[in-house]
Amino acid sequence: QHTNMSIPLRRVVTSHKGGKSAVMIDDKLDLIPGFASSAITLWQNHEYPAELADQDAGIGGISIYTKGSLIRVVDFPPTSYGHNHRTKSLDYGIVIDGEIELVLEDGSKTVIQAGDVVVQQ
């Protein structure tokens, strides 16, 4: 498996089996091809409520779902520039390490540091 993130990532997904919670998936994931930065989709689903028993439901690339959820980890190298864009989804940005400058369409800029969370509507 190919990973090139600054921190190792492991995905653990739980579900219900026989009326009890159980670990359904415990794995490491491949990078998303075609991203300028290193990116891994940890989980995604297309609708709510989600189909919780489908082990392949969370696997995917770069699609955006307006009625589902998506969690992706992106590792921006120093001095890189992210090409973010507007979508019809609710997105969360959680800075794990370092800092990044958030630049919005109106030209405003905000420095986001480790431990900060951005809710993008």
PDB file of N, CA and C in Angstrom:
ATOM      1  N   GLN A   1       0.836  -1.191   0.000  1.00  0.00           N
ATOM      2  CA  GLN A   1       0.000   0.000   0.000  1.00  0.00           C
ATOM      3  C   GLN A   1       0.871   1.240   0.000  1.00  0.00           C
ATOM      4  N   HIS A   2       0.466   2.214  -0.765  1.00  0.00           N
ATOM      5  CA  HIS A   2       1.261   3.424  -0.949  1.00  0.00           C
ATOM      6  C   HIS A   2       0.740   4.537  -0.053  1.00  0.00           C
ATOM      7  N   THR A   3       1.543   4.988   0.870  1.00  0.00           N
ATOM      8  CA  THR A   3       1.187   6.164   1.667  1.00  0.00           C
ATOM      9  C   THR A   3       2.388   7.078   1.735  1.00  0.00           C
ATOM     10  N   ASN A   4       2.128   8.360   1.654  1.00  0.00           N
ATOM     11  CA  ASN A   4       3.194   9.341   1.727  1.00  0.00           C
ATOM     12  C   ASN A   4       2.705  10.513   2.565  1.00  0.00           C
ATOM     13  N   MET A   5       2.172  10.233   3.729  1.00  0.00           N
ATOM     14  CA  MET A   5       1.667  11.256   4.627  1.00  0.00           C
ATOM     15  C   MET A   5       2.739  11.520   5.676  1.00  0.00           C
ATOM     16  N   SER A   6       2.681  12.705   6.289  1.00  0.00           N
ATOM     17  CA  SER A   6       3.673  13.030   7.315  1.00  0.00           C
ATOM     18  C   SER A   6       3.421  12.260   8.610  1.00  0.00           C
ATOM     19  N   ILE A   7       2.201  11.746   8.788  1.00  0.00           N
ATOM     20  CA  ILE A   7       1.907  10.884   9.937  1.00  0.00           C
ATOM     21  C   ILE A   7       1.239   9.614   9.411  1.00  0.00           C
ATOM     22  N   PRO A   8       1.485   8.466  10.036  1.00  0.00           N
ATOM     23  CA  PRO A   8       0.830   7.240   9.579  1.00  0.00           C
ATOM     24  C   PRO A   8      -0.658   7.281   9.922  1.00  0.00           C
ATOM     25  N   LEU A   9      -1.492   6.782   9.023  1.00  0.00           N
ATOM     26  CA  LEU A   9      -2.933   6.768   9.243  1.00  0.00           C
ATOM     27  C   LEU A   9      -3.452   5.343   9.278  1.00  0.00           C
ATOM     28  N   ARG A  10      -4.345   5.093  10.202  1.00  0.00           N
ATOM     29  CA  ARG A  10      -4.998   3.799  10.325  1.00  0.00           C
ATOM     30  C   ARG A  10      -6.487   4.064  10.451  1.00  0.00           C
ATOM     31  N   ARG A  11      -7.300   3.303   9.731  1.00  0.00           N
ATOM     32  CA  ARG A  11      -8.753   3.472   9.764  1.00  0.00           C
ATOM     33  C   ARG A  11      -9.374   2.284  10.489  1.00  0.00           C
ATOM     34  N   VAL A  12     -10.183   2.567  11.507  1.00  0.00           N
ATOM     35  CA  VAL A  12     -10.933   1.542  12.227  1.00  0.00           C
ATOM     36  C   VAL A  12     -12.403   1.919  12.124  1.00  0.00           C
ATOM     37  N   VAL A  13     -13.210   1.039  11.530  1.00  0.00           N
ATOM     38  CA  VAL A  13     -14.639   1.287  11.335  1.00  0.00           C
ATOM     39  C   VAL A  13     -15.409   0.248  12.126  1.00  0.00           C
ATOM     40  N   THR A  14     -16.377   0.713  12.914  1.00  0.00           N
ATOM     41  CA  THR A  14     -17.218  -0.209  13.674  1.00  0.00           C
ATOM     42  C   THR A  14     -18.600  -0.287  13.042  1.00  0.00           C
ATOM     43  N   SER A  15     -19.294  -1.372  13.316  1.00  0.00           N
ATOM     44  CA  SER A  15     -20.661  -1.562  12.844  1.00  0.00           C
ATOM     45  C   SER A  15     -21.376  -2.458  13.848  1.00  0.00           C
ATOM     46  N   HIS A  16     -22.548  -2.927  13.474  1.00  0.00           N
ATOM     47  CA  HIS A  16     -23.323  -3.810  14.346  1.00  0.00           C
ATOM     48  C   HIS A  16     -23.422  -5.178  13.693  1.00  0.00           C
ATOM     49  N   LYS A  17     -23.113  -6.193  14.468  1.00  0.00           N
ATOM     50  CA  LYS A  17     -23.155  -7.568  13.982  1.00  0.00           C
ATOM     51  C   LYS A  17     -23.835  -8.401  15.057  1.00  0.00           C
ATOM     52  N   GLY A  18     -24.949  -9.023  14.709  1.00  0.00           N
ATOM     53  CA  GLY A  18     -25.666  -9.830  15.690  1.00  0.00           C
ATOM     54  C   GLY A  18     -26.166  -9.011  16.866  1.00  0.00           C
ATOM     55  N   GLY A  19     -26.514  -7.735  16.625  1.00  0.00           N
ATOM     56  CA  GLY A  19     -27.035  -6.876  17.684  1.00  0.00           C
ATOM     57  C   GLY A  19     -25.967  -6.255  18.570  1.00  0.00           C
ATOM     58  N   LYS A  20     -24.701  -6.513  18.286  1.00  0.00           N
ATOM     59  CA  LYS A  20     -23.609  -5.949  19.091  1.00  0.00           C
ATOM     60  C   LYS A  20     -22.649  -5.189  18.193  1.00  0.00           C
ATOM     61  N   SER A  21     -21.988  -4.159  18.761  1.00  0.00           N
ATOM     62  CA  SER A  21     -20.990  -3.462  17.957  1.00  0.00           C
ATOM     63  C   SER A  21     -19.741  -4.315  17.823  1.00  0.00           C
ATOM     64  N   ALA A  22     -19.131  -4.175  16.650  1.00  0.00           N
ATOM     65  CA  ALA A  22     -17.922  -4.934  16.361  1.00  0.00           C
ATOM     66  C   ALA A  22     -17.077  -4.149  15.370  1.00  0.00           C
ATOM     67  N   VAL A  23     -15.790  -4.430  15.358  1.00  0.00           N
ATOM     68  CA  VAL A  23     -14.908  -3.803  14.377  1.00  0.00           C
ATOM     69  C   VAL A  23     -15.159  -4.474  13.030  1.00  0.00           C
ATOM     70  N   MET A  24     -15.517  -3.656  12.045  1.00  0.00           N
ATOM     71  CA  MET A  24     -15.813  -4.163  10.713  1.00  0.00           C
ATOM     72  C   MET A  24     -14.586  -4.049   9.810  1.00  0.00           C
ATOM     73  N   ILE A  25     -13.832  -2.945   9.947  1.00  0.00           N
ATOM     74  CA  ILE A  25     -12.656  -2.710   9.107  1.00  0.00           C
ATOM     75  C   ILE A  25     -11.528  -2.169   9.980  1.00  0.00           C
ATOM     76  N   ASP A  26     -10.340  -2.667   9.777  1.00  0.00           N
ATOM     77  CA  ASP A  26      -9.139  -2.165  10.446  1.00  0.00           C
ATOM     78  C   ASP A  26      -8.025  -2.243   9.408  1.00  0.00           C
ATOM     79  N   ASP A  27      -7.709  -1.098   8.798  1.00  0.00           N
ATOM     80  CA  ASP A  27      -6.751  -1.138   7.702  1.00  0.00           C
ATOM     81  C   ASP A  27      -6.016   0.179   7.512  1.00  0.00           C
ATOM     82  N   LYS A  28      -5.096   0.162   6.586  1.00  0.00           N
ATOM     83  CA  LYS A  28      -4.407   1.364   6.128  1.00  0.00           C
ATOM     84  C   LYS A  28      -4.850   1.584   4.684  1.00  0.00           C
ATOM     85  N   LEU A  29      -4.852   2.838   4.243  1.00  0.00           N
ATOM     86  CA  LEU A  29      -5.426   3.176   2.944  1.00  0.00           C
ATOM     87  C   LEU A  29      -4.399   3.742   1.978  1.00  0.00           C
ATOM     88  N   ASP A  30      -4.711   3.650   0.700  1.00  0.00           N
ATOM     89  CA  ASP A  30      -3.859   4.207  -0.351  1.00  0.00           C
ATOM     90  C   ASP A  30      -4.182   5.679  -0.576  1.00  0.00           C
ATOM     91  N   LEU A  31      -3.211   6.414  -1.087  1.00  0.00           N
ATOM     92  CA  LEU A  31      -3.420   7.807  -1.464  1.00  0.00           C
ATOM     93  C   LEU A  31      -4.398   7.895  -2.628  1.00  0.00           C
ATOM     94  N   ILE A  32      -5.097   9.029  -2.720  1.00  0.00           N
ATOM     95  CA  ILE A  32      -5.985   9.280  -3.852  1.00  0.00           C
ATOM     96  C   ILE A  32      -5.123   9.735  -5.023  1.00  0.00           C
ATOM     97  N   PRO A  33      -5.175   9.045  -6.159  1.00  0.00           N
ATOM     98  CA  PRO A  33      -4.368   9.465  -7.302  1.00  0.00           C
ATOM     99  C   PRO A  33      -4.869  10.790  -7.874  1.00  0.00           C
ATOM    100  N   GLY A  34      -3.955  11.617  -8.342  1.00  0.00           N
ATOM    101  CA  GLY A  34      -4.327  12.854  -9.003  1.00  0.00           C
ATOM    102  C   GLY A  34      -4.389  14.074  -8.112  1.00  0.00           C
ATOM    103  N   PHE A  35      -4.234  13.930  -6.807  1.00  0.00           N
ATOM    104  CA  PHE A  35      -4.223  15.082  -5.907  1.00  0.00           C
ATOM    105  C   PHE A  35      -2.833  15.701  -5.922  1.00  0.00           C
ATOM    106  N   ALA A  36      -2.773  17.028  -5.902  1.00  0.00           N
ATOM    107  CA  ALA A  36      -1.480  17.721  -5.855  1.00  0.00           C
ATOM    108  C   ALA A  36      -0.782  17.466  -4.526  1.00  0.00           C
ATOM    109  N   SER A  37      -1.562  17.372  -3.455  1.00  0.00           N
ATOM    110  CA  SER A  37      -1.031  17.049  -2.130  1.00  0.00           C
ATOM    111  C   SER A  37      -1.370  15.597  -1.826  1.00  0.00           C
ATOM    112  N   SER A  38      -0.782  15.039  -0.785  1.00  0.00           N
ATOM    113  CA  SER A  38      -1.126  13.685  -0.367  1.00  0.00           C
ATOM    114  C   SER A  38      -2.512  13.715   0.258  1.00  0.00           C
ATOM    115  N   ALA A  39      -3.408  12.845  -0.207  1.00  0.00           N
ATOM    116  CA  ALA A  39      -4.775  12.817   0.308  1.00  0.00           C
ATOM    117  C   ALA A  39      -5.274  11.385   0.401  1.00  0.00           C
ATOM    118  N   ILE A  40      -6.019  11.106   1.462  1.00  0.00           N
ATOM    119  CA  ILE A  40      -6.617   9.795   1.677  1.00  0.00           C
ATOM    120  C   ILE A  40      -8.060   9.998   2.111  1.00  0.00           C
ATOM    121  N   THR A  41      -8.998   9.327   1.434  1.00  0.00           N
ATOM    122  CA  THR A  41     -10.388   9.326   1.882  1.00  0.00           C
ATOM    123  C   THR A  41     -10.520   8.227   2.923  1.00  0.00           C
ATOM    124  N   LEU A  42     -10.868   8.609   4.150  1.00  0.00           N
ATOM    125  CA  LEU A  42     -11.017   7.632   5.222  1.00  0.00           C
ATOM    126  C   LEU A  42     -12.375   6.938   5.163  1.00  0.00           C
ATOM    127  N   TRP A  43     -13.427   7.702   4.830  1.00  0.00           N
ATOM    128  CA  TRP A  43     -14.767   7.121   4.748  1.00  0.00           C
ATOM    129  C   TRP A  43     -15.673   8.059   3.989  1.00  0.00           C
ATOM    130  N   GLN A  44     -16.617   7.497   3.258  1.00  0.00           N
ATOM    131  CA  GLN A  44     -17.648   8.299   2.612  1.00  0.00           C
ATOM    132  C   GLN A  44     -18.908   7.464   2.465  1.00  0.00           C
ATOM    133  N   ASN A  45     -20.030   8.133   2.470  1.00  0.00           N
ATOM    134  CA  ASN A  45     -21.289   7.484   2.141  1.00  0.00           C
ATOM    135  C   ASN A  45     -22.121   8.456   1.315  1.00  0.00           C
ATOM    136  N   HIS A  46     -23.025   7.901   0.516  1.00  0.00           N
ATOM    137  CA  HIS A  46     -23.751   8.692  -0.471  1.00  0.00           C
ATOM    138  C   HIS A  46     -25.041   9.306   0.047  1.00  0.00           C
ATOM    139  N   GLU A  47     -25.579   8.785   1.130  1.00  0.00           N
ATOM    140  CA  GLU A  47     -26.869   9.270   1.616  1.00  0.00           C
ATOM    141  C   GLU A  47     -26.991   9.065   3.113  1.00  0.00           C
ATOM    142  N   TYR A  48     -28.019   9.678   3.659  1.00  0.00           N
ATOM    143  CA  TYR A  48     -28.317   9.522   5.076  1.00  0.00           C
ATOM    144  C   TYR A  48     -29.745   9.036   5.200  1.00  0.00           C
ATOM    145  N   PRO A  49     -30.039   8.023   6.006  1.00  0.00           N
ATOM    146  CA  PRO A  49     -29.082   7.278   6.824  1.00  0.00           C
ATOM    147  C   PRO A  49     -28.181   6.384   5.973  1.00  0.00           C
ATOM    148  N   ALA A  50     -27.002   6.147   6.491  1.00  0.00           N
ATOM    149  CA  ALA A  50     -25.997   5.358   5.778  1.00  0.00           C
ATOM    150  C   ALA A  50     -26.281   3.871   5.913  1.00  0.00           C
ATOM    151  N   GLU A  51     -25.857   3.105   4.917  1.00  0.00           N
ATOM    152  CA  GLU A  51     -25.913   1.650   4.973  1.00  0.00           C
ATOM    153  C   GLU A  51     -24.692   1.192   5.765  1.00  0.00           C
ATOM    154  N   LEU A  52     -24.908   0.841   7.019  1.00  0.00           N
ATOM    155  CA  LEU A  52     -23.786   0.597   7.930  1.00  0.00           C
ATOM    156  C   LEU A  52     -23.125  -0.763   7.773  1.00  0.00           C
ATOM    157  N   ALA A  53     -23.792  -1.702   7.141  1.00  0.00           N
ATOM    158  CA  ALA A  53     -23.225  -3.046   7.048  1.00  0.00           C
ATOM    159  C   ALA A  53     -22.372  -3.250   5.800  1.00  0.00           C
ATOM    160  N   ASP A  54     -22.357  -2.301   4.894  1.00  0.00           N
ATOM    161  CA  ASP A  54     -21.629  -2.437   3.636  1.00  0.00           C
ATOM    162  C   ASP A  54     -20.164  -2.062   3.826  1.00  0.00           C
ATOM    163  N   GLN A  55     -19.275  -3.046   3.785  1.00  0.00           N
ATOM    164  CA  GLN A  55     -17.853  -2.789   4.014  1.00  0.00           C
ATOM    165  C   GLN A  55     -17.211  -1.960   2.911  1.00  0.00           C
ATOM    166  N   ASP A  56     -17.778  -1.961   1.713  1.00  0.00           N
ATOM    167  CA  ASP A  56     -17.209  -1.197   0.606  1.00  0.00           C
ATOM    168  C   ASP A  56     -17.788   0.204   0.497  1.00  0.00           C
ATOM    169  N   ALA A  57     -18.785   0.546   1.310  1.00  0.00           N
ATOM    170  CA  ALA A  57     -19.457   1.846   1.202  1.00  0.00           C
ATOM    171  C   ALA A  57     -18.497   3.001   1.436  1.00  0.00           C
ATOM    172  N   GLY A  58     -17.536   2.823   2.311  1.00  0.00           N
ATOM    173  CA  GLY A  58     -16.647   3.918   2.661  1.00  0.00           C
ATOM    174  C   GLY A  58     -15.462   4.104   1.749  1.00  0.00           C
ATOM    175  N   ILE A  59     -15.309   3.242   0.760  1.00  0.00           N
ATOM    176  CA  ILE A  59     -14.158   3.312  -0.126  1.00  0.00           C
ATOM    177  C   ILE A  59     -14.502   4.226  -1.297  1.00  0.00           C
ATOM    178  N   GLY A  60     -13.584   5.101  -1.637  1.00  0.00           N
ATOM    179  CA  GLY A  60     -13.877   5.962  -2.773  1.00  0.00           C
ATOM    180  C   GLY A  60     -12.775   6.952  -3.036  1.00  0.00           C
ATOM    181  N   GLY A  61     -12.987   7.739  -4.052  1.00  0.00           N
ATOM    182  CA  GLY A  61     -11.974   8.690  -4.477  1.00  0.00           C
ATOM    183  C   GLY A  61     -12.294  10.110  -4.081  1.00  0.00           C
ATOM    184  N   ILE A  62     -12.598  10.945  -5.069  1.00  0.00           N
ATOM    185  CA  ILE A  62     -12.709  12.375  -4.810  1.00  0.00           C
ATOM    186  C   ILE A  62     -14.127  12.908  -4.953  1.00  0.00           C
ATOM    187  N   SER A  63     -15.131  12.053  -5.050  1.00  0.00           N
ATOM    188  CA  SER A  63     -16.512  12.499  -5.219  1.00  0.00           C
ATOM    189  C   SER A  63     -17.002  13.275  -4.010  1.00  0.00           C
ATOM    190  N   ILE A  64     -18.016  14.135  -4.244  1.00  0.00           N
ATOM    191  CA  ILE A  64     -18.645  14.913  -3.177  1.00  0.00           C
ATOM    192  C   ILE A  64     -20.120  14.559  -3.168  1.00  0.00           C
ATOM    193  N   TYR A  65     -20.657  14.277  -1.996  1.00  0.00           N
ATOM    194  CA  TYR A  65     -22.045  13.870  -1.866  1.00  0.00           C
ATOM    195  C   TYR A  65     -22.788  14.878  -1.007  1.00  0.00           C
ATOM    196  N   THR A  66     -23.831  15.463  -1.568  1.00  0.00           N
ATOM    197  CA  THR A  66     -24.557  16.519  -0.863  1.00  0.00           C
ATOM    198  C   THR A  66     -25.473  15.975   0.224  1.00  0.00           C
ATOM    199  N   LYS A  67     -25.766  14.679   0.217  1.00  0.00           N
ATOM    200  CA  LYS A  67     -26.662  14.108   1.225  1.00  0.00           C
ATOM    201  C   LYS A  67     -25.975  13.022   2.041  1.00  0.00           C
ATOM    202  N   GLY A  68     -24.680  12.978   2.013  1.00  0.00           N
ATOM    203  CA  GLY A  68     -23.947  11.964   2.743  1.00  0.00           C
ATOM    204  C   GLY A  68     -22.871  12.592   3.593  1.00  0.00           C
ATOM    205  N   SER A  69     -21.803  11.861   3.814  1.00  0.00           N
ATOM    206  CA  SER A  69     -20.687  12.394   4.589  1.00  0.00           C
ATOM    207  C   SER A  69     -19.374  11.925   3.972  1.00  0.00           C
ATOM    208  N   LEU A  70     -18.338  12.670   4.296  1.00  0.00           N
ATOM    209  CA  LEU A  70     -17.018  12.370   3.754  1.00  0.00           C
ATOM    210  C   LEU A  70     -15.980  12.847   4.755  1.00  0.00           C
ATOM    211  N   ILE A  71     -15.007  12.016   5.032  1.00  0.00           N
ATOM    212  CA  ILE A  71     -13.860  12.464   5.812  1.00  0.00           C
ATOM    213  C   ILE A  71     -12.607  12.089   5.032  1.00  0.00           C
ATOM    214  N   ARG A  72     -11.788  13.101   4.815  1.00  0.00           N
ATOM    215  CA  ARG A  72     -10.576  12.933   4.019  1.00  0.00           C
ATOM    216  C   ARG A  72      -9.428  13.606   4.760  1.00  0.00           C
ATOM    217  N   VAL A  73      -8.257  13.022   4.700  1.00  0.00           N
ATOM    218  CA  VAL A  73      -7.057  13.625   5.272  1.00  0.00           C
ATOM    219  C   VAL A  73      -6.198  14.115   4.113  1.00  0.00           C
ATOM    220  N   VAL A  74      -5.799  15.387   4.184  1.00  0.00           N
ATOM    221  CA  VAL A  74      -4.942  15.977   3.155  1.00  0.00           C
ATOM    222  C   VAL A  74      -3.700  16.523   3.848  1.00  0.00           C
ATOM    223  N   ASP A  75      -2.544  16.173   3.339  1.00  0.00           N
ATOM    224  CA  ASP A  75      -1.269  16.629   3.880  1.00  0.00           C
ATOM    225  C   ASP A  75      -0.712  17.683   2.925  1.00  0.00           C
ATOM    226  N   PHE A  76      -0.788  18.960   3.329  1.00  0.00           N
ATOM    227  CA  PHE A  76      -0.265  20.051   2.503  1.00  0.00           C
ATOM    228  C   PHE A  76       1.198  20.289   2.870  1.00  0.00           C
ATOM    229  N   PRO A  77       2.127  20.083   1.935  1.00  0.00           N
ATOM    230  CA  PRO A  77       3.533  20.361   2.223  1.00  0.00           C
ATOM    231  C   PRO A  77       3.756  21.862   2.432  1.00  0.00           C
ATOM    232  N   PRO A  78       4.833  22.240   3.125  1.00  0.00           N
ATOM    233  CA  PRO A  78       5.137  23.665   3.305  1.00  0.00           C
ATOM    234  C   PRO A  78       5.205  24.383   1.956  1.00  0.00           C
ATOM    235  N   THR A  79       4.743  25.592   1.941  1.00  0.00           N
ATOM    236  CA  THR A  79       4.708  26.494   0.773  1.00  0.00           C
ATOM    237  C   THR A  79       3.817  25.996  -0.365  1.00  0.00           C
ATOM    238  N   SER A  80       2.975  24.987  -0.112  1.00  0.00           N
ATOM    239  CA  SER A  80       2.063  24.527  -1.167  1.00  0.00           C
ATOM    240  C   SER A  80       0.784  25.361  -1.140  1.00  0.00           C
ATOM    241  N   TYR A  81       0.029  25.251  -2.200  1.00  0.00           N
ATOM    242  CA  TYR A  81      -1.213  26.003  -2.327  1.00  0.00           C
ATOM    243  C   TYR A  81      -2.330  25.022  -2.649  1.00  0.00           C
ATOM    244  N   GLY A  82      -3.363  24.982  -1.813  1.00  0.00           N
ATOM    245  CA  GLY A  82      -4.503  24.100  -2.057  1.00  0.00           C
ATOM    246  C   GLY A  82      -5.486  24.747  -3.008  1.00  0.00           C
ATOM    247  N   HIS A  83      -6.014  23.989  -3.921  1.00  0.00           N
ATOM    248  CA  HIS A  83      -6.980  24.511  -4.889  1.00  0.00           C
ATOM    249  C   HIS A  83      -8.387  24.133  -4.445  1.00  0.00           C
ATOM    250  N   ASN A  84      -8.837  24.744  -3.359  1.00  0.00           N
ATOM    251  CA  ASN A  84     -10.176  24.461  -2.867  1.00  0.00           C
ATOM    252  C   ASN A  84     -11.205  25.165  -3.736  1.00  0.00           C
ATOM    253  N   HIS A  85     -12.414  24.672  -3.681  1.00  0.00           N
ATOM    254  CA  HIS A  85     -13.473  25.204  -4.514  1.00  0.00           C
ATOM    255  C   HIS A  85     -14.805  25.067  -3.783  1.00  0.00           C
ATOM    256  N   ARG A  86     -15.819  25.720  -4.285  1.00  0.00           N
ATOM    257  CA  ARG A  86     -17.140  25.697  -3.665  1.00  0.00           C
ATOM    258  C   ARG A  86     -17.861  24.409  -4.044  1.00  0.00           C
ATOM    259  N   THR A  87     -18.496  23.803  -3.052  1.00  0.00           N
ATOM    260  CA  THR A  87     -19.308  22.611  -3.283  1.00  0.00           C
ATOM    261  C   THR A  87     -20.636  22.774  -2.555  1.00  0.00           C
ATOM    262  N   LYS A  88     -21.563  21.876  -2.816  1.00  0.00           N
ATOM    263  CA  LYS A  88     -22.854  21.890  -2.123  1.00  0.00           C
ATOM    264  C   LYS A  88     -22.828  20.879  -0.981  1.00  0.00           C
ATOM    265  N   SER A  89     -21.743  20.883  -0.256  1.00  0.00           N
ATOM    266  CA  SER A  89     -21.597  19.963   0.870  1.00  0.00           C
ATOM    267  C   SER A  89     -21.140  20.754   2.091  1.00  0.00           C
ATOM    268  N   LEU A  90     -21.290  20.153   3.241  1.00  0.00           N
ATOM    269  CA  LEU A  90     -20.797  20.730   4.489  1.00  0.00           C
ATOM    270  C   LEU A  90     -19.453  20.071   4.765  1.00  0.00           C
ATOM    271  N   ASP A  91     -18.399  20.873   4.839  1.00  0.00           N
ATOM    272  CA  ASP A  91     -17.044  20.336   4.964  1.00  0.00           C
ATOM    273  C   ASP A  91     -16.385  20.802   6.256  1.00  0.00           C
ATOM    274  N   TYR A  92     -15.520  19.959   6.792  1.00  0.00           N
ATOM    275  CA  TYR A  92     -14.800  20.264   8.025  1.00  0.00           C
ATOM    276  C   TYR A  92     -13.313  20.147   7.754  1.00  0.00           C
ATOM    277  N   GLY A  93     -12.561  21.120   8.206  1.00  0.00           N
ATOM    278  CA  GLY A  93     -11.109  21.075   8.110  1.00  0.00           C
ATOM    279  C   GLY A  93     -10.525  21.076   9.511  1.00  0.00           C
ATOM    280  N   ILE A  94      -9.798  20.040   9.853  1.00  0.00           N
ATOM    281  CA  ILE A  94      -9.199  19.902  11.181  1.00  0.00           C
ATOM    282  C   ILE A  94      -7.685  19.905  11.001  1.00  0.00           C
ATOM    283  N   VAL A  95      -7.021  20.884  11.586  1.00  0.00           N
ATOM    284  CA  VAL A  95      -5.569  20.954  11.465  1.00  0.00           C
ATOM    285  C   VAL A  95      -4.958  20.102  12.578  1.00  0.00           C
ATOM    286  N   ILE A  96      -4.226  19.078  12.187  1.00  0.00           N
ATOM    287  CA  ILE A  96      -3.618  18.153  13.146  1.00  0.00           C
ATOM    288  C   ILE A  96      -2.245  18.641  13.581  1.00  0.00           C
ATOM    289  N   ASP A  97      -1.479  19.176  12.638  1.00  0.00           N
ATOM    290  CA  ASP A  97      -0.122  19.605  12.939  1.00  0.00           C
ATOM    291  C   ASP A  97       0.225  20.792  12.045  1.00  0.00           C
ATOM    292  N   GLY A  98       1.018  21.707  12.559  1.00  0.00           N
ATOM    293  CA  GLY A  98       1.449  22.864  11.774  1.00  0.00           C
ATOM    294  C   GLY A  98       0.370  23.926  11.692  1.00  0.00           C
ATOM    295  N   GLU A  99       0.402  24.683  10.616  1.00  0.00           N
ATOM    296  CA  GLU A  99      -0.613  25.708  10.391  1.00  0.00           C
ATOM    297  C   GLU A  99      -0.783  25.909   8.893  1.00  0.00           C
ATOM    298  N   ILE A 100      -1.914  26.478   8.532  1.00  0.00           N
ATOM    299  CA  ILE A 100      -2.226  26.733   7.129  1.00  0.00           C
ATOM    300  C   ILE A 100      -3.031  28.021   7.054  1.00  0.00           C
ATOM    301  N   GLU A 101      -2.874  28.750   5.970  1.00  0.00           N
ATOM    302  CA  GLU A 101      -3.627  29.984   5.799  1.00  0.00           C
ATOM    303  C   GLU A 101      -4.870  29.696   4.959  1.00  0.00           C
ATOM    304  N   LEU A 102      -6.026  30.020   5.516  1.00  0.00           N
ATOM    305  CA  LEU A 102      -7.299  29.871   4.825  1.00  0.00           C
ATOM    306  C   LEU A 102      -7.573  31.164   4.067  1.00  0.00           C
ATOM    307  N   VAL A 103      -7.703  31.073   2.745  1.00  0.00           N
ATOM    308  CA  VAL A 103      -7.965  32.239   1.898  1.00  0.00           C
ATOM    309  C   VAL A 103      -9.339  32.046   1.267  1.00  0.00           C
ATOM    310  N   LEU A 104     -10.237  33.020   1.484  1.00  0.00           N
ATOM    311  CA  LEU A 104     -11.602  32.919   0.979  1.00  0.00           C
ATOM    312  C   LEU A 104     -11.803  33.763  -0.271  1.00  0.00           C
ATOM    313  N   GLU A 105     -12.939  33.553  -0.930  1.00  0.00           N
ATOM    314  CA  GLU A 105     -13.231  34.245  -2.192  1.00  0.00           C
ATOM    315  C   GLU A 105     -13.252  35.760  -2.050  1.00  0.00           C
ATOM    316  N   ASP A 106     -13.642  36.255  -0.870  1.00  0.00           N
ATOM    317  CA  ASP A 106     -13.699  37.711  -0.672  1.00  0.00           C
ATOM    318  C   ASP A 106     -12.326  38.313  -0.381  1.00  0.00           C
ATOM    319  N   GLY A 107     -11.285  37.471  -0.378  1.00  0.00           N
ATOM    320  CA  GLY A 107      -9.926  37.944  -0.144  1.00  0.00           C
ATOM    321  C   GLY A 107      -9.485  37.889   1.305  1.00  0.00           C
ATOM    322  N   SER A 108     -10.413  37.576   2.219  1.00  0.00           N
ATOM    323  CA  SER A 108     -10.027  37.504   3.632  1.00  0.00           C
ATOM    324  C   SER A 108      -9.144  36.284   3.874  1.00  0.00           C
ATOM    325  N   LYS A 109      -8.226  36.436   4.839  1.00  0.00           N
ATOM    326  CA  LYS A 109      -7.271  35.377   5.168  1.00  0.00           C
ATOM    327  C   LYS A 109      -7.281  35.152   6.671  1.00  0.00           C
ATOM    328  N   THR A 110      -7.199  33.887   7.067  1.00  0.00           N
ATOM    329  CA  THR A 110      -7.156  33.515   8.475  1.00  0.00           C
ATOM    330  C   THR A 110      -6.133  32.401   8.646  1.00  0.00           C
ATOM    331  N   VAL A 111      -5.248  32.530   9.616  1.00  0.00           N
ATOM    332  CA  VAL A 111      -4.279  31.475   9.903  1.00  0.00           C
ATOM    333  C   VAL A 111      -4.955  30.444  10.801  1.00  0.00           C
ATOM    334  N   ILE A 112      -4.935  29.189  10.360  1.00  0.00           N
ATOM    335  CA  ILE A 112      -5.531  28.077  11.091  1.00  0.00           C
ATOM    336  C   ILE A 112      -4.369  27.239  11.628  1.00  0.00           C
ATOM    337  N   GLN A 113      -4.386  26.979  12.948  1.00  0.00           N
ATOM    338  CA  GLN A 113      -3.271  26.275  13.587  1.00  0.00           C
ATOM    339  C   GLN A 113      -3.704  24.914  14.119  1.00  0.00           C
ATOM    340  N   ALA A 114      -2.719  24.118  14.537  1.00  0.00           N
ATOM    341  CA  ALA A 114      -2.991  22.788  15.083  1.00  0.00           C
ATOM    342  C   ALA A 114      -4.045  22.879  16.177  1.00  0.00           C
ATOM    343  N   GLY A 115      -5.059  22.034  16.082  1.00  0.00           N
ATOM    344  CA  GLY A 115      -6.156  22.029  17.043  1.00  0.00           C
ATOM    345  C   GLY A 115      -7.351  22.853  16.598  1.00  0.00           C
ATOM    346  N   ASP A 116      -7.193  23.674  15.554  1.00  0.00           N
ATOM    347  CA  ASP A 116      -8.306  24.480  15.042  1.00  0.00           C
ATOM    348  C   ASP A 116      -9.158  23.648  14.085  1.00  0.00           C
ATOM    349  N   VAL A 117     -10.448  23.986  14.029  1.00  0.00           N
ATOM    350  CA  VAL A 117     -11.393  23.320  13.140  1.00  0.00           C
ATOM    351  C   VAL A 117     -12.099  24.377  12.298  1.00  0.00           C
ATOM    352  N   VAL A 118     -12.172  24.164  10.995  1.00  0.00           N
ATOM    353  CA  VAL A 118     -12.899  25.046  10.080  1.00  0.00           C
ATOM    354  C   VAL A 118     -14.160  24.312   9.644  1.00  0.00           C
ATOM    355  N   VAL A 119     -15.311  24.971   9.789  1.00  0.00           N
ATOM    356  CA  VAL A 119     -16.568  24.442   9.272  1.00  0.00           C
ATOM    357  C   VAL A 119     -16.888  25.265   8.030  1.00  0.00           C
ATOM    358  N   GLN A 120     -16.856  24.629   6.885  1.00  0.00           N
ATOM    359  CA  GLN A 120     -17.039  25.332   5.613  1.00  0.00           C
ATOM    360  C   GLN A 120     -18.433  25.044   5.076  1.00  0.00           C
ATOM    361  N   GLN A 121     -19.267  26.104   5.033  1.00  0.00           N
ATOM    362  CA  GLN A 121     -20.651  25.959   4.569  1.00  0.00           C
ATOM    363  C   GLN A 121     -20.784  26.426   3.141  1.00  0.00           C
TER     364      GLN A 121
END
